[in-house]
Amino acid sequence: MNIDLLAIAAHPDDVELACAGTMLMNKRAGKRTGILDFTRGELSTRGTLETRARETEAATKILQLDYRANLEMPDANIELSQENLRKVIVQIRKTRPTILLAPSREERHPDHEAAAELARRAAFYAGLVKIETKDEAGNPQEPHRPLLLLHYLQGHHVESTIIVDITPVFEERMKAVDAYASQFDGNRMPGDDLSNRKRETVLSQPGFVDGIRARAAYYGRRIGTRYAEPFWSPEPLGTRDVFSLVTKTIA
């Protein structure tokens, strides 16, 4: 299996909230895309495991993903353990991505920070020949190291290294956010626990979804487009075509 772009998420809605537009833009360009969720988000204040699963399935279809898997690590307890590291290495070797997207290394949610560090370590160690792993069928896996690791931004602001124009797919990208209806104020999925829905969360606050639109518009304005998503890279980024860097139409 070869997935061109693999995004790692601590929780099933992280990619949809942060960088779904980039996933859709690459899918539209003919790339194979996938998401690797670390947990099922079972400790989310709102919703149930059943509603979260249905919402994830709906978002997966909207994003037209070629691959999605869940490592079922415990929510709110993503440990930097050898066991978890090995799970991520197995997935990287299975999907063999060229580009790996991961959460920011500085975040409000500790699970996001832990997922970022596991992704960084696994991306490197997956390329070492002497670390041996096997696939689900028990066959030895070949080493593989992604050529590029980018961190997407969530709660905290980090000065971006690269900003991706997502204007052509923005409304479709917002449909992937809307798929997680149980997490937002004023929406309810069948079977949801109404008692939990009375509890405020960051996502349920009025204006949260508007904030996603505003952030996309802010970063779009910075590069001369309508909507965009920011990323941070630990390494310098290169290009073979300097004109591909031009996104502005007015100087």
C-alpha atoms as a PDB file:
ATOM      1  CA  MET A   1       0.000   0.000   0.000  1.00  0.00           C
ATOM      2  CA  ASN A   2       1.249   3.461  -0.874  1.00  0.00           C
ATOM      3  CA  ILE A   3      -0.450   6.492   0.662  1.00  0.00           C
ATOM      4  CA  ASP A   4       1.052   9.755  -0.595  1.00  0.00           C
ATOM      5  CA  LEU A   5      -0.197  11.888   2.302  1.00  0.00           C
ATOM      6  CA  LEU A   6      -0.839  10.417   5.764  1.00  0.00           C
ATOM      7  CA  ALA A   7      -2.196  12.599   8.572  1.00  0.00           C
ATOM      8  CA  ILE A   8      -1.816  11.533  12.190  1.00  0.00           C
ATOM      9  CA  ALA A   9      -4.461  12.546  14.742  1.00  0.00           C
ATOM     10  CA  ALA A  10      -4.783  12.059  18.482  1.00  0.00           C
ATOM     11  CA  HIS A  11      -8.590  12.067  18.150  1.00  0.00           C
ATOM     12  CA  PRO A  12     -10.907  11.245  15.225  1.00  0.00           C
ATOM     13  CA  ASP A  13     -11.874  14.876  14.495  1.00  0.00           C
ATOM     14  CA  ASP A  14      -8.438  16.523  14.792  1.00  0.00           C
ATOM     15  CA  VAL A  15      -7.525  16.421  11.111  1.00  0.00           C
ATOM     16  CA  GLU A  16     -10.997  17.549  10.052  1.00  0.00           C
ATOM     17  CA  LEU A  17     -10.760  20.587  12.331  1.00  0.00           C
ATOM     18  CA  ALA A  18      -7.186  21.509  11.424  1.00  0.00           C
ATOM     19  CA  CYS A  19      -6.178  20.508   7.896  1.00  0.00           C
ATOM     20  CA  ALA A  20      -9.045  18.830   6.028  1.00  0.00           C
ATOM     21  CA  GLY A  21      -8.634  21.317   3.189  1.00  0.00           C
ATOM     22  CA  THR A  22      -5.080  20.173   2.536  1.00  0.00           C
ATOM     23  CA  MET A  23      -6.264  16.564   2.481  1.00  0.00           C
ATOM     24  CA  LEU A  24      -8.958  17.452  -0.084  1.00  0.00           C
ATOM     25  CA  MET A  25      -6.621  19.549  -2.249  1.00  0.00           C
ATOM     26  CA  ASN A  26      -4.205  16.644  -2.545  1.00  0.00           C
ATOM     27  CA  LYS A  27      -7.008  14.181  -3.230  1.00  0.00           C
ATOM     28  CA  ARG A  28      -8.200  16.476  -6.019  1.00  0.00           C
ATOM     29  CA  ALA A  29      -4.634  16.473  -7.383  1.00  0.00           C
ATOM     30  CA  GLY A  30      -4.733  12.673  -7.677  1.00  0.00           C
ATOM     31  CA  LYS A  31      -2.810  11.812  -4.504  1.00  0.00           C
ATOM     32  CA  ARG A  32      -3.708   8.929  -2.217  1.00  0.00           C
ATOM     33  CA  THR A  33      -4.614  10.196   1.247  1.00  0.00           C
ATOM     34  CA  GLY A  34      -5.176   8.665   4.656  1.00  0.00           C
ATOM     35  CA  ILE A  35      -5.671   9.391   8.353  1.00  0.00           C
ATOM     36  CA  LEU A  36      -4.280   7.466  11.311  1.00  0.00           C
ATOM     37  CA  ASP A  37      -6.297   8.146  14.479  1.00  0.00           C
ATOM     38  CA  PHE A  38      -4.597   7.246  17.748  1.00  0.00           C
ATOM     39  CA  THR A  39      -7.720   7.091  19.964  1.00  0.00           C
ATOM     40  CA  ARG A  40     -11.474   6.766  19.514  1.00  0.00           C
ATOM     41  CA  GLY A  41     -12.090   9.973  21.450  1.00  0.00           C
ATOM     42  CA  GLU A  42     -13.956   7.988  24.089  1.00  0.00           C
ATOM     43  CA  LEU A  43     -13.465  10.633  26.794  1.00  0.00           C
ATOM     44  CA  SER A  44     -15.054  13.425  24.780  1.00  0.00           C
ATOM     45  CA  THR A  45     -17.536  15.280  26.964  1.00  0.00           C
ATOM     46  CA  ARG A  46     -20.183  15.156  24.243  1.00  0.00           C
ATOM     47  CA  GLY A  47     -21.279  12.220  22.146  1.00  0.00           C
ATOM     48  CA  THR A  48     -20.841   8.474  22.554  1.00  0.00           C
ATOM     49  CA  LEU A  49     -18.504   5.961  20.964  1.00  0.00           C
ATOM     50  CA  GLU A  50     -21.311   5.016  18.592  1.00  0.00           C
ATOM     51  CA  THR A  51     -21.993   8.590  17.477  1.00  0.00           C
ATOM     52  CA  ARG A  52     -18.266   9.335  17.170  1.00  0.00           C
ATOM     53  CA  ALA A  53     -17.829   6.259  14.974  1.00  0.00           C
ATOM     54  CA  ARG A  54     -20.716   7.297  12.707  1.00  0.00           C
ATOM     55  CA  GLU A  55     -19.380  10.831  12.475  1.00  0.00           C
ATOM     56  CA  THR A  56     -15.893   9.595  11.600  1.00  0.00           C
ATOM     57  CA  GLU A  57     -17.329   7.375   8.875  1.00  0.00           C
ATOM     58  CA  ALA A  58     -19.251  10.328   7.426  1.00  0.00           C
ATOM     59  CA  ALA A  59     -16.181  12.583   7.491  1.00  0.00           C
ATOM     60  CA  THR A  60     -14.066   9.854   5.876  1.00  0.00           C
ATOM     61  CA  LYS A  61     -16.471   9.742   2.932  1.00  0.00           C
ATOM     62  CA  ILE A  62     -16.470  13.533   2.573  1.00  0.00           C
ATOM     63  CA  LEU A  63     -12.671  13.586   2.525  1.00  0.00           C
ATOM     64  CA  GLN A  64     -12.620  10.661   0.043  1.00  0.00           C
ATOM     65  CA  LEU A  65      -9.838   8.993   2.007  1.00  0.00           C
ATOM     66  CA  ASP A  66      -8.066   5.964   0.591  1.00  0.00           C
ATOM     67  CA  TYR A  67      -7.160   4.732   4.064  1.00  0.00           C
ATOM     68  CA  ARG A  68      -8.173   5.282   7.673  1.00  0.00           C
ATOM     69  CA  ALA A  69      -7.178   3.298  10.741  1.00  0.00           C
ATOM     70  CA  ASN A  70      -7.446   3.654  14.516  1.00  0.00           C
ATOM     71  CA  LEU A  71      -4.758   2.426  16.903  1.00  0.00           C
ATOM     72  CA  GLU A  72      -7.215   2.452  19.856  1.00  0.00           C
ATOM     73  CA  MET A  73      -4.786   4.000  22.308  1.00  0.00           C
ATOM     74  CA  PRO A  74      -6.555   5.165  25.483  1.00  0.00           C
ATOM     75  CA  ASP A  75      -7.939   8.684  25.201  1.00  0.00           C
ATOM     76  CA  ALA A  76      -6.231  11.162  27.561  1.00  0.00           C
ATOM     77  CA  ASN A  77      -3.419   8.654  28.050  1.00  0.00           C
ATOM     78  CA  ILE A  78      -1.315   8.551  24.877  1.00  0.00           C
ATOM     79  CA  GLU A  79       1.975   7.348  26.296  1.00  0.00           C
ATOM     80  CA  LEU A  80       5.402   7.776  24.732  1.00  0.00           C
ATOM     81  CA  SER A  81       5.971   4.048  25.141  1.00  0.00           C
ATOM     82  CA  GLN A  82       7.847   1.539  23.029  1.00  0.00           C
ATOM     83  CA  GLU A  83       4.571  -0.305  22.440  1.00  0.00           C
ATOM     84  CA  ASN A  84       2.849   2.768  21.006  1.00  0.00           C
ATOM     85  CA  LEU A  85       5.933   3.767  19.045  1.00  0.00           C
ATOM     86  CA  ARG A  86       6.006   0.339  17.435  1.00  0.00           C
ATOM     87  CA  LYS A  87       2.306   0.607  16.497  1.00  0.00           C
ATOM     88  CA  VAL A  88       2.972   3.849  14.628  1.00  0.00           C
ATOM     89  CA  ILE A  89       6.081   2.440  12.926  1.00  0.00           C
ATOM     90  CA  VAL A  90       4.029  -0.521  11.658  1.00  0.00           C
ATOM     91  CA  GLN A  91       1.467   1.880  10.172  1.00  0.00           C
ATOM     92  CA  ILE A  92       4.096   4.067   8.519  1.00  0.00           C
ATOM     93  CA  ARG A  93       5.714   1.014   6.956  1.00  0.00           C
ATOM     94  CA  LYS A  94       2.315  -0.273   5.872  1.00  0.00           C
ATOM     95  CA  THR A  95       1.148   2.963   4.216  1.00  0.00           C
ATOM     96  CA  ARG A  96       4.611   4.232   3.112  1.00  0.00           C
ATOM     97  CA  PRO A  97       3.671   7.944   2.947  1.00  0.00           C
ATOM     98  CA  THR A  98       5.793  10.513   1.164  1.00  0.00           C
ATOM     99  CA  ILE A  99       4.481  13.287   3.444  1.00  0.00           C
ATOM    100  CA  LEU A 100       3.427  12.845   7.058  1.00  0.00           C
ATOM    101  CA  LEU A 101       1.173  15.400   8.785  1.00  0.00           C
ATOM    102  CA  ALA A 102       1.140  15.499  12.593  1.00  0.00           C
ATOM    103  CA  PRO A 103      -0.213  17.737  15.363  1.00  0.00           C
ATOM    104  CA  SER A 104       1.783  20.716  16.559  1.00  0.00           C
ATOM    105  CA  ARG A 105       4.426  19.976  19.184  1.00  0.00           C
ATOM    106  CA  GLU A 106       3.044  22.777  21.404  1.00  0.00           C
ATOM    107  CA  GLU A 107      -0.669  22.386  22.081  1.00  0.00           C
ATOM    108  CA  ARG A 108      -3.414  22.907  24.634  1.00  0.00           C
ATOM    109  CA  HIS A 109      -4.286  19.195  24.736  1.00  0.00           C
ATOM    110  CA  PRO A 110      -1.517  16.906  26.083  1.00  0.00           C
ATOM    111  CA  ASP A 111      -2.693  14.104  23.760  1.00  0.00           C
ATOM    112  CA  HIS A 112      -1.902  16.310  20.760  1.00  0.00           C
ATOM    113  CA  GLU A 113       1.624  16.950  22.018  1.00  0.00           C
ATOM    114  CA  ALA A 114       2.155  13.245  22.714  1.00  0.00           C
ATOM    115  CA  ALA A 115       0.889  12.332  19.234  1.00  0.00           C
ATOM    116  CA  ALA A 116       3.263  14.873  17.693  1.00  0.00           C
ATOM    117  CA  GLU A 117       6.249  13.361  19.493  1.00  0.00           C
ATOM    118  CA  LEU A 118       5.259   9.786  18.652  1.00  0.00           C
ATOM    119  CA  ALA A 119       4.897  10.804  14.998  1.00  0.00           C
ATOM    120  CA  ARG A 120       8.334  12.453  14.993  1.00  0.00           C
ATOM    121  CA  ARG A 121      10.063   9.456  16.544  1.00  0.00           C
ATOM    122  CA  ALA A 122       8.198   6.885  14.453  1.00  0.00           C
ATOM    123  CA  ALA A 123       8.900   8.746  11.212  1.00  0.00           C
ATOM    124  CA  PHE A 124      12.623   8.427  11.911  1.00  0.00           C
ATOM    125  CA  TYR A 125      12.768   4.928  13.410  1.00  0.00           C
ATOM    126  CA  ALA A 126      10.562   3.469  10.661  1.00  0.00           C
ATOM    127  CA  GLY A 127      13.514   3.974   8.332  1.00  0.00           C
ATOM    128  CA  LEU A 128      15.968   1.923  10.384  1.00  0.00           C
ATOM    129  CA  VAL A 129      16.660  -1.500   8.880  1.00  0.00           C
ATOM    130  CA  LYS A 130      17.494  -3.152  12.203  1.00  0.00           C
ATOM    131  CA  ILE A 131      14.127  -2.321  13.748  1.00  0.00           C
ATOM    132  CA  GLU A 132      12.077  -5.314  12.647  1.00  0.00           C
ATOM    133  CA  THR A 133       8.288  -5.259  12.421  1.00  0.00           C
ATOM    134  CA  LYS A 134       5.602  -7.460  10.875  1.00  0.00           C
ATOM    135  CA  ASP A 135       2.305  -6.668   9.185  1.00  0.00           C
ATOM    136  CA  GLU A 136      -1.098  -8.083  10.189  1.00  0.00           C
ATOM    137  CA  ALA A 137      -0.391 -11.296   8.273  1.00  0.00           C
ATOM    138  CA  GLY A 138       2.914 -11.801  10.036  1.00  0.00           C
ATOM    139  CA  ASN A 139       5.078 -10.822   7.061  1.00  0.00           C
ATOM    140  CA  PRO A 140       8.271  -8.800   7.677  1.00  0.00           C
ATOM    141  CA  GLN A 141       7.937  -5.124   6.761  1.00  0.00           C
ATOM    142  CA  GLU A 142      10.405  -3.118   4.714  1.00  0.00           C
ATOM    143  CA  PRO A 143      11.827   0.061   6.276  1.00  0.00           C
ATOM    144  CA  HIS A 144      10.281   3.335   5.158  1.00  0.00           C
ATOM    145  CA  ARG A 145      10.866   6.933   6.197  1.00  0.00           C
ATOM    146  CA  PRO A 146       8.578   9.779   5.046  1.00  0.00           C
ATOM    147  CA  LEU A 147      10.440  12.415   3.072  1.00  0.00           C
ATOM    148  CA  LEU A 148       8.672  15.311   4.773  1.00  0.00           C
ATOM    149  CA  LEU A 149       7.071  15.847   8.192  1.00  0.00           C
ATOM    150  CA  LEU A 150       4.751  18.828   8.620  1.00  0.00           C
ATOM    151  CA  HIS A 151       2.943  19.844  11.793  1.00  0.00           C
ATOM    152  CA  TYR A 152      -0.573  21.252  11.508  1.00  0.00           C
ATOM    153  CA  LEU A 153      -1.830  23.943  13.879  1.00  0.00           C
ATOM    154  CA  GLN A 154      -4.738  23.433  16.281  1.00  0.00           C
ATOM    155  CA  GLY A 155      -5.267  25.415  19.492  1.00  0.00           C
ATOM    156  CA  HIS A 156      -1.994  27.304  19.947  1.00  0.00           C
ATOM    157  CA  HIS A 157      -0.511  29.725  17.452  1.00  0.00           C
ATOM    158  CA  VAL A 158       2.887  28.802  16.030  1.00  0.00           C
ATOM    159  CA  GLU A 159       4.476  30.887  13.295  1.00  0.00           C
ATOM    160  CA  SER A 160       3.865  28.902  10.134  1.00  0.00           C
ATOM    161  CA  THR A 161       6.572  27.684   7.764  1.00  0.00           C
ATOM    162  CA  ILE A 162       4.241  27.077   4.842  1.00  0.00           C
ATOM    163  CA  ILE A 163       0.635  28.065   4.140  1.00  0.00           C
ATOM    164  CA  VAL A 164      -1.489  25.967   1.770  1.00  0.00           C
ATOM    165  CA  ASP A 165      -4.214  27.514  -0.380  1.00  0.00           C
ATOM    166  CA  ILE A 166      -7.446  25.554   0.162  1.00  0.00           C
ATOM    167  CA  THR A 167      -9.887  27.997  -1.459  1.00  0.00           C
ATOM    168  CA  PRO A 168     -11.218  25.564  -4.116  1.00  0.00           C
ATOM    169  CA  VAL A 169     -12.268  22.979  -1.500  1.00  0.00           C
ATOM    170  CA  PHE A 170     -13.105  25.161   1.478  1.00  0.00           C
ATOM    171  CA  GLU A 171     -16.857  24.570   1.642  1.00  0.00           C
ATOM    172  CA  GLU A 172     -16.335  20.833   1.196  1.00  0.00           C
ATOM    173  CA  ARG A 173     -13.725  21.008   3.949  1.00  0.00           C
ATOM    174  CA  MET A 174     -16.305  22.591   6.272  1.00  0.00           C
ATOM    175  CA  LYS A 175     -18.709  19.726   5.555  1.00  0.00           C
ATOM    176  CA  ALA A 176     -16.113  17.397   7.091  1.00  0.00           C
ATOM    177  CA  VAL A 177     -16.183  19.565  10.222  1.00  0.00           C
ATOM    178  CA  ASP A 178     -19.993  19.543  10.271  1.00  0.00           C
ATOM    179  CA  ALA A 179     -19.917  15.739  10.178  1.00  0.00           C
ATOM    180  CA  TYR A 180     -18.972  15.821  13.889  1.00  0.00           C
ATOM    181  CA  ALA A 181     -22.334  17.253  14.863  1.00  0.00           C
ATOM    182  CA  SER A 182     -22.342  15.846  18.405  1.00  0.00           C
ATOM    183  CA  GLN A 183     -19.396  18.061  19.329  1.00  0.00           C
ATOM    184  CA  PHE A 184     -20.983  21.377  18.361  1.00  0.00           C
ATOM    185  CA  ASP A 185     -23.704  23.464  19.939  1.00  0.00           C
ATOM    186  CA  GLY A 186     -27.175  23.187  18.445  1.00  0.00           C
ATOM    187  CA  ASN A 187     -26.605  19.864  16.667  1.00  0.00           C
ATOM    188  CA  ARG A 188     -27.557  16.371  17.765  1.00  0.00           C
ATOM    189  CA  MET A 189     -26.971  12.957  16.285  1.00  0.00           C
ATOM    190  CA  PRO A 190     -29.477  10.096  16.877  1.00  0.00           C
ATOM    191  CA  GLY A 191     -28.634   8.169  20.047  1.00  0.00           C
ATOM    192  CA  ASP A 192     -26.604  10.992  21.570  1.00  0.00           C
ATOM    193  CA  ASP A 193     -26.655  11.410  25.333  1.00  0.00           C
ATOM    194  CA  LEU A 194     -28.611  14.610  25.940  1.00  0.00           C
ATOM    195  CA  SER A 195     -27.293  14.950  29.493  1.00  0.00           C
ATOM    196  CA  ASN A 196     -23.765  15.307  28.143  1.00  0.00           C
ATOM    197  CA  ARG A 197     -24.853  17.874  25.587  1.00  0.00           C
ATOM    198  CA  LYS A 198     -25.660  20.342  28.366  1.00  0.00           C
ATOM    199  CA  ARG A 199     -21.984  20.535  29.273  1.00  0.00           C
ATOM    200  CA  GLU A 200     -19.987  23.323  27.626  1.00  0.00           C
ATOM    201  CA  THR A 201     -16.754  22.471  25.861  1.00  0.00           C
ATOM    202  CA  VAL A 202     -14.351  24.503  23.767  1.00  0.00           C
ATOM    203  CA  LEU A 203     -15.949  23.091  20.616  1.00  0.00           C
ATOM    204  CA  SER A 204     -19.538  23.746  21.727  1.00  0.00           C
ATOM    205  CA  GLN A 205     -18.989  27.417  22.508  1.00  0.00           C
ATOM    206  CA  PRO A 206     -20.791  29.829  20.177  1.00  0.00           C
ATOM    207  CA  GLY A 207     -18.443  30.965  17.457  1.00  0.00           C
ATOM    208  CA  PHE A 208     -16.104  27.960  17.447  1.00  0.00           C
ATOM    209  CA  VAL A 209     -16.924  26.955  13.877  1.00  0.00           C
ATOM    210  CA  ASP A 210     -16.895  30.618  12.876  1.00  0.00           C
ATOM    211  CA  GLY A 211     -13.374  30.691  14.301  1.00  0.00           C
ATOM    212  CA  ILE A 212     -12.296  27.928  11.926  1.00  0.00           C
ATOM    213  CA  ARG A 213     -13.565  29.996   8.999  1.00  0.00           C
ATOM    214  CA  ALA A 214     -11.887  33.121  10.367  1.00  0.00           C
ATOM    215  CA  ARG A 215      -8.533  31.401  10.783  1.00  0.00           C
ATOM    216  CA  ALA A 216      -8.676  30.009   7.247  1.00  0.00           C
ATOM    217  CA  ALA A 217      -9.524  33.488   5.954  1.00  0.00           C
ATOM    218  CA  TYR A 218      -6.666  35.031   7.974  1.00  0.00           C
ATOM    219  CA  TYR A 219      -4.065  32.659   6.579  1.00  0.00           C
ATOM    220  CA  GLY A 220      -5.553  32.988   3.109  1.00  0.00           C
ATOM    221  CA  ARG A 221      -5.170  36.748   3.354  1.00  0.00           C
ATOM    222  CA  ARG A 222      -1.500  36.322   4.248  1.00  0.00           C
ATOM    223  CA  ILE A 223      -0.763  34.548   0.964  1.00  0.00           C
ATOM    224  CA  GLY A 224      -3.197  36.459  -1.238  1.00  0.00           C
ATOM    225  CA  THR A 225      -5.946  33.815  -1.428  1.00  0.00           C
ATOM    226  CA  ARG A 226      -9.340  33.508   0.218  1.00  0.00           C
ATOM    227  CA  TYR A 227      -8.749  30.487   2.476  1.00  0.00           C
ATOM    228  CA  ALA A 228      -5.637  28.621   3.580  1.00  0.00           C
ATOM    229  CA  GLU A 229      -4.211  26.267   6.217  1.00  0.00           C
ATOM    230  CA  PRO A 230      -0.876  26.761   8.041  1.00  0.00           C
ATOM    231  CA  PHE A 231       1.856  24.215   8.767  1.00  0.00           C
ATOM    232  CA  TRP A 232       5.180  24.250  10.575  1.00  0.00           C
ATOM    233  CA  SER A 233       8.233  22.310   9.427  1.00  0.00           C
ATOM    234  CA  PRO A 234      11.234  21.404  11.614  1.00  0.00           C
ATOM    235  CA  GLU A 235      13.394  21.427   8.461  1.00  0.00           C
ATOM    236  CA  PRO A 236      13.908  23.907   5.615  1.00  0.00           C
ATOM    237  CA  LEU A 237      11.505  23.468   2.709  1.00  0.00           C
ATOM    238  CA  GLY A 238      12.700  23.411  -0.892  1.00  0.00           C
ATOM    239  CA  THR A 239      11.166  23.730  -4.322  1.00  0.00           C
ATOM    240  CA  ARG A 240      12.145  22.952  -7.911  1.00  0.00           C
ATOM    241  CA  ASP A 241       9.850  25.670  -9.222  1.00  0.00           C
ATOM    242  CA  VAL A 242       9.974  29.113  -7.612  1.00  0.00           C
ATOM    243  CA  PHE A 243       6.794  30.091  -9.488  1.00  0.00           C
ATOM    244  CA  SER A 244       4.869  27.426  -7.570  1.00  0.00           C
ATOM    245  CA  LEU A 245       5.405  29.651  -4.520  1.00  0.00           C
ATOM    246  CA  VAL A 246       3.385  32.496  -6.040  1.00  0.00           C
ATOM    247  CA  THR A 247      -0.166  32.527  -4.699  1.00  0.00           C
ATOM    248  CA  LYS A 248      -0.849  36.274  -4.815  1.00  0.00           C
ATOM    249  CA  THR A 249      -2.556  37.934  -7.752  1.00  0.00           C
ATOM    250  CA  ILE A 250      -1.945  41.504  -6.519  1.00  0.00           C
ATOM    251  CA  ALA A 251       1.475  42.679  -5.344  1.00  0.00           C
END
